[in-house]
Amino acid sequence: MKIALFAALPAIALLAACGPDTAVEEAGDQMEQRADAVEEAGDNRADMLEDRADAAPTEAMEDQLDARADAVEAQADARADQINEVADSME
């Protein structure tokens, strides 16, 4: 029992050192959630475009829709990365 308690001391010390988040940290957490939402929305939009591409009547239209899906996903990822960079600086 003493060994288990001794082994748990570093974890307990870390938890004790972690107080409640400051307002800035809370804002950073909210920004991270926003970044996740931006990325998810972009993925959903890209998936929709890819589904439309699969049903496209011509190869050219399929290629165009696939390219648009890739661009939408890349743009959402880039925006999410920007938001996360700001959020990381707040922690």
C-alpha atoms as a PDB file:
ATOM      1  CA  MET A   1       0.000   0.000   0.000  1.00  0.00           C
ATOM      2  CA  LYS A   2       2.815   2.415   0.840  1.00  0.00           C
ATOM      3  CA  ILE A   3       4.478   1.670  -2.493  1.00  0.00           C
ATOM      4  CA  ALA A   4       1.293   2.521  -4.403  1.00  0.00           C
ATOM      5  CA  LEU A   5       0.912   5.784  -2.522  1.00  0.00           C
ATOM      6  CA  PHE A   6       4.566   6.644  -3.096  1.00  0.00           C
ATOM      7  CA  ALA A   7       4.201   5.880  -6.826  1.00  0.00           C
ATOM      8  CA  ALA A   8       1.124   8.112  -7.039  1.00  0.00           C
ATOM      9  CA  LEU A   9       2.781  11.135  -5.397  1.00  0.00           C
ATOM     10  CA  PRO A  10       4.064  12.724  -8.642  1.00  0.00           C
ATOM     11  CA  ALA A  11       0.595  12.559 -10.197  1.00  0.00           C
ATOM     12  CA  ILE A  12      -0.985  14.000  -7.066  1.00  0.00           C
ATOM     13  CA  ALA A  13       1.589  16.811  -7.040  1.00  0.00           C
ATOM     14  CA  LEU A  14       0.828  17.650 -10.655  1.00  0.00           C
ATOM     15  CA  LEU A  15      -2.896  17.775  -9.988  1.00  0.00           C
ATOM     16  CA  ALA A  16      -2.357  20.022  -6.993  1.00  0.00           C
ATOM     17  CA  ALA A  17      -0.243  22.383  -9.108  1.00  0.00           C
ATOM     18  CA  CYS A  18      -2.997  22.679 -11.668  1.00  0.00           C
ATOM     19  CA  GLY A  19      -5.420  25.266 -10.459  1.00  0.00           C
ATOM     20  CA  PRO A  20      -8.502  26.502 -12.220  1.00  0.00           C
ATOM     21  CA  ASP A  21      -7.988  27.909 -15.687  1.00  0.00           C
ATOM     22  CA  THR A  22      -7.593  31.645 -16.015  1.00  0.00           C
ATOM     23  CA  ALA A  23      -9.942  33.630 -18.222  1.00  0.00           C
ATOM     24  CA  VAL A  24      -7.282  33.686 -20.932  1.00  0.00           C
ATOM     25  CA  GLU A  25      -6.873  29.903 -20.749  1.00  0.00           C
ATOM     26  CA  GLU A  26     -10.647  29.480 -20.922  1.00  0.00           C
ATOM     27  CA  ALA A  27     -10.724  31.685 -24.025  1.00  0.00           C
ATOM     28  CA  GLY A  28      -7.953  29.554 -25.520  1.00  0.00           C
ATOM     29  CA  ASP A  29      -9.970  26.399 -24.816  1.00  0.00           C
ATOM     30  CA  GLN A  30     -12.995  27.943 -26.525  1.00  0.00           C
ATOM     31  CA  MET A  31     -10.841  28.852 -29.521  1.00  0.00           C
ATOM     32  CA  GLU A  32      -9.629  25.249 -29.756  1.00  0.00           C
ATOM     33  CA  GLN A  33     -13.248  24.105 -29.799  1.00  0.00           C
ATOM     34  CA  ARG A  34     -13.950  26.640 -32.539  1.00  0.00           C
ATOM     35  CA  ALA A  35     -10.987  25.326 -34.533  1.00  0.00           C
ATOM     36  CA  ASP A  36     -12.358  21.801 -34.222  1.00  0.00           C
ATOM     37  CA  ALA A  37     -15.753  23.012 -35.452  1.00  0.00           C
ATOM     38  CA  VAL A  38     -14.176  24.818 -38.424  1.00  0.00           C
ATOM     39  CA  GLU A  39     -12.232  21.694 -39.377  1.00  0.00           C
ATOM     40  CA  GLU A  40     -15.297  19.470 -39.013  1.00  0.00           C
ATOM     41  CA  ALA A  41     -17.440  21.810 -41.106  1.00  0.00           C
ATOM     42  CA  GLY A  42     -14.795  21.818 -43.821  1.00  0.00           C
ATOM     43  CA  ASP A  43     -14.599  18.024 -43.762  1.00  0.00           C
ATOM     44  CA  ASN A  44     -18.385  17.760 -44.004  1.00  0.00           C
ATOM     45  CA  ARG A  45     -18.500  20.179 -46.932  1.00  0.00           C
ATOM     46  CA  ALA A  46     -15.667  18.311 -48.675  1.00  0.00           C
ATOM     47  CA  ASP A  47     -17.448  14.990 -48.130  1.00  0.00           C
ATOM     48  CA  MET A  48     -20.601  16.423 -49.689  1.00  0.00           C
ATOM     49  CA  LEU A  49     -18.651  17.626 -52.714  1.00  0.00           C
ATOM     50  CA  GLU A  50     -16.950  14.234 -53.061  1.00  0.00           C
ATOM     51  CA  ASP A  51     -20.348  12.522 -52.976  1.00  0.00           C
ATOM     52  CA  ARG A  52     -21.527  14.850 -55.725  1.00  0.00           C
ATOM     53  CA  ALA A  53     -18.352  14.078 -57.660  1.00  0.00           C
ATOM     54  CA  ASP A  54     -19.046  10.350 -57.423  1.00  0.00           C
ATOM     55  CA  ALA A  55     -22.458  10.959 -58.975  1.00  0.00           C
ATOM     56  CA  ALA A  56     -21.244  13.419 -61.611  1.00  0.00           C
ATOM     57  CA  PRO A  57     -22.336  12.635 -65.151  1.00  0.00           C
ATOM     58  CA  THR A  58     -18.968  13.452 -66.708  1.00  0.00           C
ATOM     59  CA  GLU A  59     -15.352  12.864 -65.774  1.00  0.00           C
ATOM     60  CA  ALA A  60     -14.601  16.575 -66.131  1.00  0.00           C
ATOM     61  CA  MET A  61     -17.329  17.484 -63.644  1.00  0.00           C
ATOM     62  CA  GLU A  62     -16.105  14.776 -61.273  1.00  0.00           C
ATOM     63  CA  ASP A  63     -12.560  16.143 -61.458  1.00  0.00           C
ATOM     64  CA  GLN A  64     -13.798  19.681 -60.878  1.00  0.00           C
ATOM     65  CA  LEU A  65     -15.842  18.679 -57.824  1.00  0.00           C
ATOM     66  CA  ASP A  66     -12.983  16.604 -56.398  1.00  0.00           C
ATOM     67  CA  ALA A  67     -10.613  19.541 -56.813  1.00  0.00           C
ATOM     68  CA  ARG A  68     -13.118  21.830 -55.096  1.00  0.00           C
ATOM     69  CA  ALA A  69     -13.473  19.318 -52.244  1.00  0.00           C
ATOM     70  CA  ASP A  70      -9.703  19.246 -51.785  1.00  0.00           C
ATOM     71  CA  ALA A  71      -9.566  23.048 -51.765  1.00  0.00           C
ATOM     72  CA  VAL A  72     -12.401  23.339 -49.236  1.00  0.00           C
ATOM     73  CA  GLU A  73     -10.742  20.830 -46.933  1.00  0.00           C
ATOM     74  CA  ALA A  74      -7.332  22.507 -47.223  1.00  0.00           C
ATOM     75  CA  GLN A  75      -8.824  25.935 -46.533  1.00  0.00           C
ATOM     76  CA  ALA A  76     -10.679  24.673 -43.454  1.00  0.00           C
ATOM     77  CA  ASP A  77      -7.552  22.936 -42.172  1.00  0.00           C
ATOM     78  CA  ALA A  78      -5.483  26.085 -42.664  1.00  0.00           C
ATOM     79  CA  ARG A  79      -8.052  28.210 -40.836  1.00  0.00           C
ATOM     80  CA  ALA A  80      -8.262  25.687 -37.987  1.00  0.00           C
ATOM     81  CA  ASP A  81      -4.457  25.709 -37.732  1.00  0.00           C
ATOM     82  CA  GLN A  82      -4.460  29.510 -37.476  1.00  0.00           C
ATOM     83  CA  ILE A  83      -7.063  29.427 -34.710  1.00  0.00           C
ATOM     84  CA  ASN A  84      -5.140  26.723 -32.857  1.00  0.00           C
ATOM     85  CA  GLU A  85      -1.915  28.738 -33.049  1.00  0.00           C
ATOM     86  CA  VAL A  86      -3.615  31.678 -31.344  1.00  0.00           C
ATOM     87  CA  ALA A  87      -5.235  29.362 -28.798  1.00  0.00           C
ATOM     88  CA  ASP A  88      -1.896  27.719 -28.007  1.00  0.00           C
ATOM     89  CA  SER A  89      -0.337  31.094 -27.306  1.00  0.00           C
ATOM     90  CA  MET A  90      -3.047  31.730 -24.707  1.00  0.00           C
ATOM     91  CA  GLU A  91      -2.221  28.676 -22.595  1.00  0.00           C
END
